[in-house]
Amino acid sequence: MIDATLTESIEEITEVTTEAAKELSIGEAGVTAVFGYAVVFFGLVILMCVLYCTGAYFKSKDAKAKAAAEAEKKNAEQLPAAASAPAPAEQKLAPGSAGHVKLFDVPDKEAAMIMAIVADKMQKPLNELHFISIKEVK
């Protein structure tokens, strides 16, 4: 029953399409073909624009990341030079900073190591500790 209905529907569709094809003139077929090609090429142009914009977005994102990495590298190179220079007295302290530490017969590098070791042993962040002075015991 269902197969018979399906077969009849297929036959009806085939008859309608063959009649429509017989009624289509050469000019109408040409216009239909040109319109179909135009739709396809318009879709391709839109796809090309989307891909171009996506590529431009990712290129700019990569350029920003590269510029940030270069700036960080320059800052890292300049940081040792700035760290060795004495800080002016008017300079504001960083949030959480404890201020200046008086060093007696202790090089800066050793004082930094001592502060880091003390902070590690106390399991506290270094910016929460306040060192007043570091003195070498002889």
C-alpha atoms as a PDB file:
ATOM      1  CA  MET A   1       0.000   0.000   0.000  1.00  0.00           C
ATOM      2  CA  ILE A   2       2.713   2.440   1.012  1.00  0.00           C
ATOM      3  CA  ASP A   3       4.898   1.298  -1.879  1.00  0.00           C
ATOM      4  CA  ALA A   4       2.074   1.924  -4.348  1.00  0.00           C
ATOM      5  CA  THR A   5       1.478   5.431  -2.973  1.00  0.00           C
ATOM      6  CA  LEU A   6       5.180   6.180  -3.085  1.00  0.00           C
ATOM      7  CA  THR A   7       5.453   4.943  -6.670  1.00  0.00           C
ATOM      8  CA  GLU A   8       2.495   7.094  -7.736  1.00  0.00           C
ATOM      9  CA  SER A   9       4.036  10.163  -6.073  1.00  0.00           C
ATOM     10  CA  ILE A  10       7.328   9.596  -7.854  1.00  0.00           C
ATOM     11  CA  GLU A  11       5.547   9.256 -11.193  1.00  0.00           C
ATOM     12  CA  GLU A  12       3.616  12.505 -10.606  1.00  0.00           C
ATOM     13  CA  ILE A  13       6.814  14.399  -9.711  1.00  0.00           C
ATOM     14  CA  THR A  14       8.547  13.037 -12.797  1.00  0.00           C
ATOM     15  CA  GLU A  15       5.658  14.146 -15.045  1.00  0.00           C
ATOM     16  CA  VAL A  16       5.624  17.646 -13.541  1.00  0.00           C
ATOM     17  CA  THR A  17       9.372  18.107 -13.961  1.00  0.00           C
ATOM     18  CA  THR A  18       9.376  16.855 -17.547  1.00  0.00           C
ATOM     19  CA  GLU A  19       6.481  19.192 -18.410  1.00  0.00           C
ATOM     20  CA  ALA A  20       8.296  22.126 -16.790  1.00  0.00           C
ATOM     21  CA  ALA A  21      11.462  21.261 -18.685  1.00  0.00           C
ATOM     22  CA  LYS A  22       9.529  21.145 -21.980  1.00  0.00           C
ATOM     23  CA  GLU A  23       8.019  24.574 -21.288  1.00  0.00           C
ATOM     24  CA  LEU A  24      11.420  26.186 -20.449  1.00  0.00           C
ATOM     25  CA  SER A  25      12.834  28.065 -23.439  1.00  0.00           C
ATOM     26  CA  ILE A  26      16.501  28.502 -24.231  1.00  0.00           C
ATOM     27  CA  GLY A  27      16.500  32.132 -23.042  1.00  0.00           C
ATOM     28  CA  GLU A  28      14.828  31.233 -19.764  1.00  0.00           C
ATOM     29  CA  ALA A  29      17.297  28.372 -19.247  1.00  0.00           C
ATOM     30  CA  GLY A  30      20.186  30.790 -19.872  1.00  0.00           C
ATOM     31  CA  VAL A  31      18.825  33.323 -17.381  1.00  0.00           C
ATOM     32  CA  THR A  32      18.311  30.551 -14.823  1.00  0.00           C
ATOM     33  CA  ALA A  33      21.854  29.280 -15.352  1.00  0.00           C
ATOM     34  CA  VAL A  34      23.375  32.777 -15.083  1.00  0.00           C
ATOM     35  CA  PHE A  35      21.347  33.468 -11.943  1.00  0.00           C
ATOM     36  CA  GLY A  36      22.497  30.148 -10.445  1.00  0.00           C
ATOM     37  CA  TYR A  37      26.146  30.937 -11.225  1.00  0.00           C
ATOM     38  CA  ALA A  38      25.755  34.410  -9.720  1.00  0.00           C
ATOM     39  CA  VAL A  39      24.356  32.961  -6.486  1.00  0.00           C
ATOM     40  CA  VAL A  40      27.216  30.459  -6.247  1.00  0.00           C
ATOM     41  CA  PHE A  41      29.909  33.097  -6.879  1.00  0.00           C
ATOM     42  CA  PHE A  42      28.276  35.498  -4.431  1.00  0.00           C
ATOM     43  CA  GLY A  43      28.422  32.761  -1.805  1.00  0.00           C
ATOM     44  CA  LEU A  44      32.090  32.170  -2.607  1.00  0.00           C
ATOM     45  CA  VAL A  45      32.857  35.898  -2.288  1.00  0.00           C
ATOM     46  CA  ILE A  46      31.136  36.001   1.110  1.00  0.00           C
ATOM     47  CA  LEU A  47      33.118  32.932   2.226  1.00  0.00           C
ATOM     48  CA  MET A  48      36.338  34.546   1.011  1.00  0.00           C
ATOM     49  CA  CYS A  49      35.564  37.735   3.001  1.00  0.00           C
ATOM     50  CA  VAL A  50      34.855  35.739   6.154  1.00  0.00           C
ATOM     51  CA  LEU A  51      38.136  33.830   5.816  1.00  0.00           C
ATOM     52  CA  TYR A  52      40.069  37.042   5.125  1.00  0.00           C
ATOM     53  CA  CYS A  53      38.606  38.751   8.212  1.00  0.00           C
ATOM     54  CA  THR A  54      39.301  35.704  10.379  1.00  0.00           C
ATOM     55  CA  GLY A  55      42.909  35.581   9.170  1.00  0.00           C
ATOM     56  CA  ALA A  56      43.366  39.313   9.801  1.00  0.00           C
ATOM     57  CA  TYR A  57      41.984  38.914  13.334  1.00  0.00           C
ATOM     58  CA  PHE A  58      44.396  36.110  14.198  1.00  0.00           C
ATOM     59  CA  LYS A  59      47.353  37.930  12.595  1.00  0.00           C
ATOM     60  CA  SER A  60      46.657  41.012  14.708  1.00  0.00           C
ATOM     61  CA  LYS A  61      46.287  38.820  17.811  1.00  0.00           C
ATOM     62  CA  ASP A  62      49.669  37.202  17.086  1.00  0.00           C
ATOM     63  CA  ALA A  63      51.251  40.610  16.455  1.00  0.00           C
ATOM     64  CA  LYS A  64      49.960  41.904  19.810  1.00  0.00           C
ATOM     65  CA  ALA A  65      51.294  38.824  21.614  1.00  0.00           C
ATOM     66  CA  LYS A  66      54.657  39.186  19.884  1.00  0.00           C
ATOM     67  CA  ALA A  67      54.843  42.893  20.783  1.00  0.00           C
ATOM     68  CA  ALA A  68      53.973  42.126  24.406  1.00  0.00           C
ATOM     69  CA  ALA A  69      56.685  39.444  24.532  1.00  0.00           C
ATOM     70  CA  GLU A  70      59.247  41.855  23.076  1.00  0.00           C
ATOM     71  CA  ALA A  71      58.253  44.561  25.564  1.00  0.00           C
ATOM     72  CA  GLU A  72      58.550  42.080  28.420  1.00  0.00           C
ATOM     73  CA  LYS A  73      61.961  41.038  27.151  1.00  0.00           C
ATOM     74  CA  LYS A  74      63.104  44.676  26.997  1.00  0.00           C
ATOM     75  CA  ASN A  75      61.796  45.261  30.516  1.00  0.00           C
ATOM     76  CA  ALA A  76      63.640  42.171  31.742  1.00  0.00           C
ATOM     77  CA  GLU A  77      66.861  43.456  30.162  1.00  0.00           C
ATOM     78  CA  GLN A  78      66.414  46.901  31.702  1.00  0.00           C
ATOM     79  CA  LEU A  79      65.361  45.566  35.117  1.00  0.00           C
ATOM     80  CA  PRO A  80      68.864  44.546  36.319  1.00  0.00           C
ATOM     81  CA  ALA A  81      70.184  48.004  35.405  1.00  0.00           C
ATOM     82  CA  ALA A  82      67.319  49.678  37.262  1.00  0.00           C
ATOM     83  CA  ALA A  83      67.688  47.362  40.280  1.00  0.00           C
ATOM     84  CA  SER A  84      71.378  48.213  40.731  1.00  0.00           C
ATOM     85  CA  ALA A  85      70.701  51.965  40.693  1.00  0.00           C
ATOM     86  CA  PRO A  86      69.835  53.480  44.082  1.00  0.00           C
ATOM     87  CA  ALA A  87      66.155  54.300  44.489  1.00  0.00           C
ATOM     88  CA  PRO A  88      65.298  57.958  45.166  1.00  0.00           C
ATOM     89  CA  ALA A  89      63.900  58.797  48.611  1.00  0.00           C
ATOM     90  CA  GLU A  90      60.675  60.298  47.205  1.00  0.00           C
ATOM     91  CA  GLN A  91      59.784  57.153  45.290  1.00  0.00           C
ATOM     92  CA  LYS A  92      56.552  55.576  46.526  1.00  0.00           C
ATOM     93  CA  LEU A  93      56.755  52.052  47.846  1.00  0.00           C
ATOM     94  CA  ALA A  94      54.909  49.245  46.150  1.00  0.00           C
ATOM     95  CA  PRO A  95      51.755  47.959  47.874  1.00  0.00           C
ATOM     96  CA  GLY A  96      52.765  45.472  50.550  1.00  0.00           C
ATOM     97  CA  SER A  97      56.359  46.667  50.558  1.00  0.00           C
ATOM     98  CA  ALA A  98      58.107  46.905  53.908  1.00  0.00           C
ATOM     99  CA  GLY A  99      60.449  49.775  53.027  1.00  0.00           C
ATOM    100  CA  HIS A 100      64.243  49.874  53.308  1.00  0.00           C
ATOM    101  CA  VAL A 101      66.444  47.320  55.047  1.00  0.00           C
ATOM    102  CA  LYS A 102      69.690  48.360  56.745  1.00  0.00           C
ATOM    103  CA  LEU A 103      72.530  46.072  55.736  1.00  0.00           C
ATOM    104  CA  PHE A 104      75.669  45.745  57.891  1.00  0.00           C
ATOM    105  CA  ASP A 105      78.589  43.964  56.169  1.00  0.00           C
ATOM    106  CA  VAL A 106      76.187  41.929  53.987  1.00  0.00           C
ATOM    107  CA  PRO A 107      76.118  42.161  50.174  1.00  0.00           C
ATOM    108  CA  ASP A 108      72.734  42.764  48.529  1.00  0.00           C
ATOM    109  CA  LYS A 109      72.694  39.318  46.923  1.00  0.00           C
ATOM    110  CA  GLU A 110      73.214  37.536  50.248  1.00  0.00           C
ATOM    111  CA  ALA A 111      70.598  39.717  51.954  1.00  0.00           C
ATOM    112  CA  ALA A 112      68.069  38.809  49.283  1.00  0.00           C
ATOM    113  CA  MET A 113      68.857  35.116  49.743  1.00  0.00           C
ATOM    114  CA  ILE A 114      68.456  35.405  53.539  1.00  0.00           C
ATOM    115  CA  MET A 115      65.095  37.155  53.158  1.00  0.00           C
ATOM    116  CA  ALA A 116      63.904  34.507  50.695  1.00  0.00           C
ATOM    117  CA  ILE A 117      64.983  31.672  52.993  1.00  0.00           C
ATOM    118  CA  VAL A 118      63.264  33.243  56.016  1.00  0.00           C
ATOM    119  CA  ALA A 119      60.052  33.760  54.026  1.00  0.00           C
ATOM    120  CA  ASP A 120      60.168  30.149  52.824  1.00  0.00           C
ATOM    121  CA  LYS A 121      60.749  28.732  56.311  1.00  0.00           C
ATOM    122  CA  MET A 122      57.927  30.840  57.769  1.00  0.00           C
ATOM    123  CA  GLN A 123      55.677  29.925  54.800  1.00  0.00           C
ATOM    124  CA  LYS A 124      54.698  33.575  54.346  1.00  0.00           C
ATOM    125  CA  PRO A 125      54.857  35.772  51.244  1.00  0.00           C
ATOM    126  CA  LEU A 126      57.893  38.030  51.218  1.00  0.00           C
ATOM    127  CA  ASN A 127      55.810  41.194  50.950  1.00  0.00           C
ATOM    128  CA  GLU A 128      54.115  40.395  54.288  1.00  0.00           C
ATOM    129  CA  LEU A 129      57.423  40.300  56.184  1.00  0.00           C
ATOM    130  CA  HIS A 130      59.179  43.387  57.557  1.00  0.00           C
ATOM    131  CA  PHE A 131      62.972  43.235  57.706  1.00  0.00           C
ATOM    132  CA  ILE A 132      64.559  46.062  59.678  1.00  0.00           C
ATOM    133  CA  SER A 133      68.234  45.177  59.333  1.00  0.00           C
ATOM    134  CA  ILE A 134      70.496  42.291  58.371  1.00  0.00           C
ATOM    135  CA  LYS A 135      73.871  42.014  60.062  1.00  0.00           C
ATOM    136  CA  GLU A 136      76.633  39.464  59.606  1.00  0.00           C
ATOM    137  CA  VAL A 137      77.597  37.831  62.913  1.00  0.00           C
ATOM    138  CA  LYS A 138      81.365  37.324  63.138  1.00  0.00           C
END
